[in-house]
Amino acid sequence: MRFTVIGAGAIGGTLGAYMARGGEEVEFADRAKDHVAAMKSKGLTIKAFDGPFTVPVNAVTLDELKGPIDVALLAVKAQDTRAAVASIRPLLVPTSAVVSLQNGLCEPVIADLIGAERTIGAFINFNADYLEPGIIHYGGPGAFFVGEIDGEMTDRVDEMVRRFSHWGAVRATDNIFGYLWSKLGYANMLYATALVDEPMADVIDRHRRLMIELACEVYDAADTEGIHLEPFDNVEPYLYFPRESQDWEAIDRSLDSLVALMRKSEKQKTGVWRDLAVRKRKTEVDYHLGAAAEVGGRRGLRMPLTHRLIDMIHEVEGGQRSMGWANVDELEALLAHERV
């Protein structure tokens, strides 16, 4: 089985490097020519939390890809999903599969382009950042699940789990959307932390009730879709939601564990923060929080904090708003107003 990583950045590069080191046949494709050139000449270096390593890899630009592709590991930004899948569609055969390694709800977009039978979902929560051409920082492990988008347990999912396990503990699930929606609620919290140039643990610890309400707005939308939320890595959706069953002693204990886990990670700020503060590029907010808000809107949900947060991220992207605690205070004021 031959794997083709589409988007050899933080997530795709990390997973692909571990697979290549483990003996799998992996090709790395990326649109950044300097990244491809560095991988070709020096290999791909992973500055891992448990020790760095460099692995020689086969790297090409996206326009150099040749088919047929057995398994594509799609790790592009959510906003690039449709274009990336369209570009590789001529290289797919009926037995090909595309595994989404992305955050958000990209699987339906992929299935719309190539068919559900060639689409596999994945949930990834490990910490990684693209540093420079040929070098990726892997800050620490996290949950990793693979599943069919229709919930069936299949041999091909078991095979993906086995091949991906060169990286670490990977498990199959019959509820991939339960994990993806759970992480969208968590993402609402993390996007809020990116409004401040401080460690995400500090922001969550200081604004606990706001963070839980941000998650609950997304979980409201998931609930209208009949989604059964799944816990992962000290994120426990059913402690937060539904609101009427909240036990704040239990929530505080859970957040204590989450914050402690964050403080141990080598990655102290989110990829969203990095997009805004370092790479100076647009985030995936419209395809993460925006996708959840779109579902909520169809179901008649207001989601005021989510909509305001999306607007604030856009303002930071456009240079109309600076990072700072005042941004989170503004969300706190909105939460107080909504509770009146």
Protein backbone atom coordinates (compact mmCIF):
# COMPACT_ATOMS: atom_id res chain seq x y z
CA MET A 1 0.00 0.00 0.00
CA ARG A 2 1.38 3.37 -1.04
CA PHE A 3 0.54 6.52 0.91
CA THR A 4 0.59 10.03 -0.53
CA VAL A 5 0.60 12.90 1.95
CA ILE A 6 -1.18 15.91 0.45
CA GLY A 7 0.07 18.85 2.49
CA ALA A 8 3.30 17.88 4.24
CA GLY A 9 3.04 20.46 7.01
CA ALA A 10 2.54 20.02 10.74
CA ILE A 11 0.11 17.08 10.83
CA GLY A 12 0.74 15.41 7.47
CA GLY A 13 4.50 15.81 7.78
CA THR A 14 4.62 14.43 11.31
CA LEU A 15 2.45 11.37 10.65
CA GLY A 16 4.12 10.70 7.29
CA ALA A 17 7.60 10.93 8.79
CA TYR A 18 6.81 8.37 11.47
CA MET A 19 5.26 6.08 8.88
CA ALA A 20 8.26 6.43 6.56
CA ARG A 21 10.62 5.76 9.45
CA GLY A 22 8.55 2.65 10.21
CA GLY A 23 9.04 1.29 6.70
CA GLU A 24 5.84 2.36 4.94
CA GLU A 25 5.98 3.63 1.36
CA VAL A 26 5.12 7.31 1.71
CA GLU A 27 5.28 10.14 -0.81
CA PHE A 28 5.10 13.75 0.39
CA ALA A 29 3.41 16.35 -1.81
CA ASP A 30 3.26 20.03 -0.93
CA ARG A 31 2.67 23.28 -2.78
CA ALA A 32 5.60 25.02 -1.02
CA LYS A 33 8.52 24.51 -3.37
CA ASP A 34 11.12 25.42 -0.74
CA HIS A 35 9.71 22.80 1.64
CA VAL A 36 9.79 20.16 -1.10
CA ALA A 37 13.34 21.11 -2.07
CA ALA A 38 14.50 20.87 1.55
CA MET A 39 12.89 17.46 2.00
CA LYS A 40 14.50 16.21 -1.20
CA SER A 41 17.98 17.40 -0.28
CA LYS A 42 18.07 16.92 3.50
CA GLY A 43 15.15 14.68 4.35
CA LEU A 44 12.29 15.58 6.68
CA THR A 45 13.30 16.50 10.23
CA ILE A 46 10.87 16.09 13.11
CA LYS A 47 11.88 17.97 16.25
CA ALA A 48 9.90 15.65 18.47
CA PHE A 49 9.18 16.07 22.17
CA ASP A 50 10.91 12.74 22.82
CA GLY A 51 13.91 13.33 20.57
CA PRO A 52 14.49 14.66 17.04
CA PHE A 53 14.96 12.48 13.97
CA THR A 54 15.43 12.95 10.24
CA VAL A 55 14.09 10.55 7.65
CA PRO A 56 14.89 10.53 3.91
CA VAL A 57 11.67 10.98 1.93
CA ASN A 58 10.30 11.09 -1.58
CA ALA A 59 8.96 14.63 -1.98
CA VAL A 60 7.21 16.32 -4.91
CA THR A 61 5.26 19.46 -5.58
CA LEU A 62 1.52 19.00 -6.07
CA ASP A 63 1.78 19.50 -9.83
CA GLU A 64 4.42 16.75 -10.00
CA LEU A 65 2.13 14.10 -8.52
CA LYS A 66 1.50 11.03 -10.65
CA GLY A 67 -1.11 8.36 -10.18
CA PRO A 68 -2.54 6.08 -9.37
CA ILE A 69 -2.82 7.06 -5.70
CA ASP A 70 -3.60 4.21 -3.32
CA VAL A 71 -4.27 6.21 -0.15
CA ALA A 72 -4.12 9.99 0.03
CA LEU A 73 -3.55 11.45 3.49
CA LEU A 74 -5.18 14.86 3.15
CA ALA A 75 -3.62 17.38 5.53
CA VAL A 76 -4.27 20.72 3.87
CA LYS A 77 -6.05 23.62 5.54
CA ALA A 78 -9.82 23.19 5.62
CA GLN A 79 -10.36 26.04 3.16
CA ASP A 80 -8.16 24.24 0.63
CA THR A 81 -10.03 20.93 0.81
CA ARG A 82 -12.14 21.25 -2.30
CA ALA A 83 -9.29 22.46 -4.51
CA ALA A 84 -6.87 19.81 -3.22
CA VAL A 85 -9.29 16.93 -3.73
CA ALA A 86 -10.24 18.19 -7.18
CA SER A 87 -6.56 18.30 -8.14
CA ILE A 88 -5.92 14.67 -7.18
CA ARG A 89 -9.25 13.26 -8.34
CA PRO A 90 -7.88 12.31 -11.80
CA LEU A 91 -5.16 10.27 -10.05
CA LEU A 92 -7.61 8.18 -8.03
CA VAL A 93 -8.94 4.76 -9.00
CA PRO A 94 -12.09 3.00 -7.72
CA THR A 95 -10.12 1.35 -4.89
CA SER A 96 -8.38 4.56 -3.79
CA ALA A 97 -9.15 6.21 -0.46
CA VAL A 98 -8.71 9.73 0.85
CA VAL A 99 -8.19 10.01 4.62
CA SER A 100 -8.93 13.45 6.04
CA LEU A 101 -6.36 14.36 8.69
CA GLN A 102 -7.97 17.77 9.04
CA ASN A 103 -9.85 19.64 11.72
CA GLY A 104 -13.44 20.61 11.09
CA LEU A 105 -16.08 18.85 9.00
CA CYS A 106 -14.12 18.20 5.81
CA GLU A 107 -15.26 14.61 5.24
CA PRO A 108 -18.63 15.55 3.66
CA VAL A 109 -16.83 17.93 1.28
CA ILE A 110 -14.45 15.14 0.24
CA ALA A 111 -17.28 12.63 -0.15
CA ASP A 112 -19.20 15.07 -2.33
CA LEU A 113 -16.25 15.18 -4.73
CA ILE A 114 -15.10 11.55 -4.85
CA GLY A 115 -17.86 9.53 -3.18
CA ALA A 116 -18.38 8.36 0.38
CA GLU A 117 -16.96 4.95 -0.53
CA ARG A 118 -13.54 6.50 -1.10
CA THR A 119 -13.62 8.79 1.97
CA ILE A 120 -12.27 7.93 5.44
CA GLY A 121 -12.47 10.18 8.47
CA ALA A 122 -9.81 10.76 11.09
CA PHE A 123 -9.63 12.67 14.35
CA ILE A 124 -6.21 13.94 15.39
CA ASN A 125 -5.35 15.94 18.50
CA PHE A 126 -1.57 15.90 18.66
CA ASN A 127 0.49 19.09 18.77
CA ALA A 128 2.71 20.02 15.85
CA ASP A 129 3.91 23.11 13.97
CA TYR A 130 5.65 23.67 10.64
CA LEU A 131 8.82 25.59 11.53
CA GLU A 132 10.73 26.05 8.28
CA PRO A 133 11.37 24.15 5.06
CA GLY A 134 12.11 20.54 5.91
CA ILE A 135 11.59 20.96 9.67
CA ILE A 136 8.48 20.30 11.79
CA HIS A 137 8.08 20.59 15.54
CA TYR A 138 6.10 17.77 17.16
CA GLY A 139 5.16 18.99 20.62
CA GLY A 140 3.41 16.00 22.11
CA PRO A 141 0.98 13.13 21.52
CA GLY A 142 -2.80 13.16 21.69
CA ALA A 143 -5.87 11.21 20.68
CA PHE A 144 -5.97 9.72 17.18
CA PHE A 145 -9.04 7.89 15.84
CA VAL A 146 -9.92 6.62 12.37
CA GLY A 147 -13.40 5.76 11.15
CA GLU A 148 -15.72 5.32 8.21
CA ILE A 149 -18.05 8.27 7.74
CA ASP A 150 -21.09 5.96 7.81
CA GLY A 151 -19.98 4.46 11.13
CA GLU A 152 -19.26 0.94 9.85
CA MET A 153 -16.27 -0.93 11.27
CA THR A 154 -14.33 -2.13 8.24
CA ASP A 155 -11.15 -3.97 7.37
CA ARG A 156 -9.73 -0.92 5.62
CA VAL A 157 -10.08 1.18 8.77
CA ASP A 158 -8.29 -1.56 10.72
CA GLU A 159 -5.56 -1.47 8.09
CA MET A 160 -5.24 2.31 8.39
CA VAL A 161 -4.97 1.98 12.16
CA ARG A 162 -2.20 -0.59 11.78
CA ARG A 163 -0.21 1.54 9.32
CA PHE A 164 -0.67 4.78 11.26
CA SER A 165 0.44 3.11 14.49
CA HIS A 166 4.09 3.75 13.58
CA TRP A 167 3.27 7.16 15.06
CA GLY A 168 1.77 5.85 18.29
CA ALA A 169 -1.59 4.80 19.75
CA VAL A 170 -4.25 4.94 17.02
CA ARG A 171 -7.75 3.48 17.42
CA ALA A 172 -10.74 2.73 15.21
CA THR A 173 -14.12 4.28 15.94
CA ASP A 174 -17.69 3.87 14.73
CA ASN A 175 -18.43 7.51 15.65
CA ILE A 176 -15.90 9.70 13.88
CA PHE A 177 -18.28 12.67 13.74
CA GLY A 178 -18.74 12.44 17.50
CA TYR A 179 -15.04 13.17 17.87
CA LEU A 180 -14.95 15.83 15.17
CA TRP A 181 -17.86 17.75 16.71
CA SER A 182 -16.38 17.41 20.19
CA LYS A 183 -13.19 18.98 18.92
CA LEU A 184 -15.14 21.78 17.22
CA GLY A 185 -16.48 22.76 20.64
CA TYR A 186 -12.94 22.64 22.01
CA ALA A 187 -11.79 24.62 18.97
CA ASN A 188 -14.18 27.41 19.94
CA MET A 189 -12.23 27.65 23.19
CA LEU A 190 -8.87 27.54 21.43
CA TYR A 191 -9.78 30.22 18.89
CA ALA A 192 -10.63 32.48 21.83
CA THR A 193 -7.20 31.84 23.37
CA ALA A 194 -5.59 32.99 20.10
CA LEU A 195 -6.98 36.49 20.73
CA VAL A 196 -4.32 36.85 23.43
CA ASP A 197 -0.55 36.56 23.05
CA GLU A 198 -0.34 34.23 26.04
CA PRO A 199 -0.22 30.45 26.61
CA MET A 200 -3.59 28.86 25.87
CA ALA A 201 -3.61 27.23 29.31
CA ASP A 202 -3.48 30.65 30.98
CA VAL A 203 -6.43 31.95 28.98
CA ILE A 204 -8.61 28.90 29.61
CA ASP A 205 -7.72 28.86 33.30
CA ARG A 206 -8.59 32.55 33.71
CA HIS A 207 -11.87 32.47 31.75
CA ARG A 208 -13.40 29.09 32.60
CA ARG A 209 -17.11 29.87 32.36
CA LEU A 210 -16.64 31.69 29.07
CA MET A 211 -14.72 28.75 27.64
CA ILE A 212 -17.39 26.26 28.65
CA GLU A 213 -20.13 28.41 27.12
CA LEU A 214 -18.15 28.69 23.87
CA ALA A 215 -17.98 24.90 23.75
CA CYS A 216 -21.68 24.59 24.60
CA GLU A 217 -22.75 26.78 21.69
CA VAL A 218 -21.11 24.32 19.31
CA TYR A 219 -22.46 21.33 21.23
CA ASP A 220 -25.94 22.81 20.87
CA ALA A 221 -25.49 22.62 17.10
CA ALA A 222 -24.14 19.07 17.31
CA ASP A 223 -27.12 18.03 19.41
CA THR A 224 -29.56 19.28 16.77
CA GLU A 225 -27.74 17.01 14.31
CA GLY A 226 -28.16 13.98 16.57
CA ILE A 227 -24.43 13.74 17.25
CA HIS A 228 -23.24 11.72 20.23
CA LEU A 229 -20.21 13.65 21.49
CA GLU A 230 -17.04 11.78 22.45
CA PRO A 231 -14.54 12.73 25.17
CA PHE A 232 -10.84 12.99 24.38
CA ASP A 233 -7.62 14.17 26.04
CA ASN A 234 -9.25 15.70 29.13
CA VAL A 235 -11.97 17.37 27.03
CA GLU A 236 -15.26 16.05 28.44
CA PRO A 237 -18.24 17.40 26.48
CA TYR A 238 -20.95 15.86 28.65
CA LEU A 239 -19.61 17.57 31.74
CA TYR A 240 -20.23 20.84 29.89
CA PHE A 241 -23.41 19.98 28.02
CA PRO A 242 -26.35 20.15 28.42
CA ARG A 243 -26.07 23.27 30.53
CA GLU A 244 -28.82 22.29 32.98
CA SER A 245 -26.81 19.29 34.14
CA GLN A 246 -23.53 21.16 34.70
CA ASP A 247 -21.72 20.32 37.92
CA TRP A 248 -19.10 23.02 38.32
CA GLU A 249 -17.05 21.11 40.87
CA ALA A 250 -16.66 18.33 38.31
CA ILE A 251 -16.06 20.81 35.48
CA ASP A 252 -13.35 22.59 37.47
CA ARG A 253 -11.61 19.28 38.21
CA SER A 254 -11.78 18.43 34.51
CA LEU A 255 -10.41 21.84 33.50
CA ASP A 256 -7.65 21.52 36.10
CA SER A 257 -6.56 18.32 34.32
CA LEU A 258 -6.87 19.90 30.87
CA VAL A 259 -4.85 22.97 31.87
CA ALA A 260 -2.19 20.79 33.52
CA LEU A 261 -1.90 18.71 30.34
CA MET A 262 -1.53 21.87 28.25
CA ARG A 263 1.22 23.20 30.49
CA LYS A 264 3.24 20.01 29.96
CA SER A 265 3.13 20.31 26.18
CA GLU A 266 6.01 21.85 24.25
CA LYS A 267 3.38 23.69 22.20
CA GLN A 268 1.99 26.44 24.41
CA LYS A 269 0.00 28.34 21.78
CA THR A 270 -2.37 27.21 19.08
CA GLY A 271 -1.86 26.88 15.37
CA VAL A 272 -4.48 29.63 15.08
CA TRP A 273 -2.25 31.95 17.11
CA ARG A 274 0.68 30.98 14.86
CA ASP A 275 -1.32 31.79 11.72
CA LEU A 276 -2.20 35.20 13.15
CA ALA A 277 1.02 36.21 14.92
CA VAL A 278 3.79 34.44 13.01
CA ARG A 279 2.69 33.43 9.55
CA LYS A 280 0.40 36.44 9.06
CA ARG A 281 -2.18 34.51 7.10
CA LYS A 282 -5.86 33.77 7.29
CA THR A 283 -6.98 31.12 9.74
CA GLU A 284 -9.46 28.30 9.15
CA VAL A 285 -12.09 30.01 11.30
CA ASP A 286 -14.78 30.13 8.60
CA TYR A 287 -14.36 26.42 7.93
CA HIS A 288 -14.25 25.41 11.61
CA LEU A 289 -16.39 27.72 13.73
CA GLY A 290 -18.16 29.02 10.64
CA ALA A 291 -19.20 25.49 9.67
CA ALA A 292 -20.62 24.87 13.14
CA ALA A 293 -22.41 28.24 13.11
CA GLU A 294 -23.89 27.44 9.71
CA VAL A 295 -25.39 24.23 11.07
CA GLY A 296 -26.66 26.09 14.11
CA GLY A 297 -28.20 28.78 11.93
CA ARG A 298 -30.12 26.20 9.92
CA ARG A 299 -31.45 24.85 13.20
CA GLY A 300 -32.47 28.24 14.55
CA LEU A 301 -29.62 28.65 17.06
CA ARG A 302 -28.22 32.15 17.68
CA MET A 303 -24.71 31.20 18.91
CA PRO A 304 -23.83 34.83 19.79
CA LEU A 305 -20.39 34.15 21.28
CA THR A 306 -19.35 32.05 18.31
CA HIS A 307 -20.42 34.67 15.79
CA ARG A 308 -18.64 37.43 17.72
CA LEU A 309 -15.50 35.34 18.03
CA ILE A 310 -15.47 34.69 14.28
CA ASP A 311 -15.75 38.42 13.65
CA MET A 312 -12.92 39.16 16.10
CA ILE A 313 -10.62 36.63 14.44
CA HIS A 314 -11.36 38.28 11.09
CA GLU A 315 -10.49 41.65 12.60
CA VAL A 316 -7.13 40.35 13.84
CA GLU A 317 -6.49 38.83 10.42
CA GLY A 318 -7.23 42.15 8.77
CA GLY A 319 -5.16 44.25 11.17
CA GLN A 320 -8.18 46.06 12.66
CA ARG A 321 -7.73 44.42 16.08
CA SER A 322 -4.64 43.69 18.18
CA MET A 323 -4.15 40.65 20.39
CA GLY A 324 -4.74 41.27 24.09
CA TRP A 325 -6.74 40.39 27.17
CA ALA A 326 -9.29 43.07 26.26
CA ASN A 327 -10.56 40.81 23.48
CA VAL A 328 -11.47 38.03 25.88
CA ASP A 329 -12.93 40.59 28.28
CA GLU A 330 -15.18 41.71 25.41
CA LEU A 331 -16.44 38.15 25.01
CA GLU A 332 -16.99 37.98 28.78
CA ALA A 333 -19.10 41.15 28.59
CA LEU A 334 -21.19 39.62 25.81
CA LEU A 335 -21.68 36.47 27.89
CA ALA A 336 -22.84 38.57 30.85
CA HIS A 337 -25.24 40.48 28.61
CA GLU A 338 -26.70 37.25 27.21
CA ARG A 339 -27.31 35.94 30.72
CA VAL A 340 -29.35 39.00 31.78
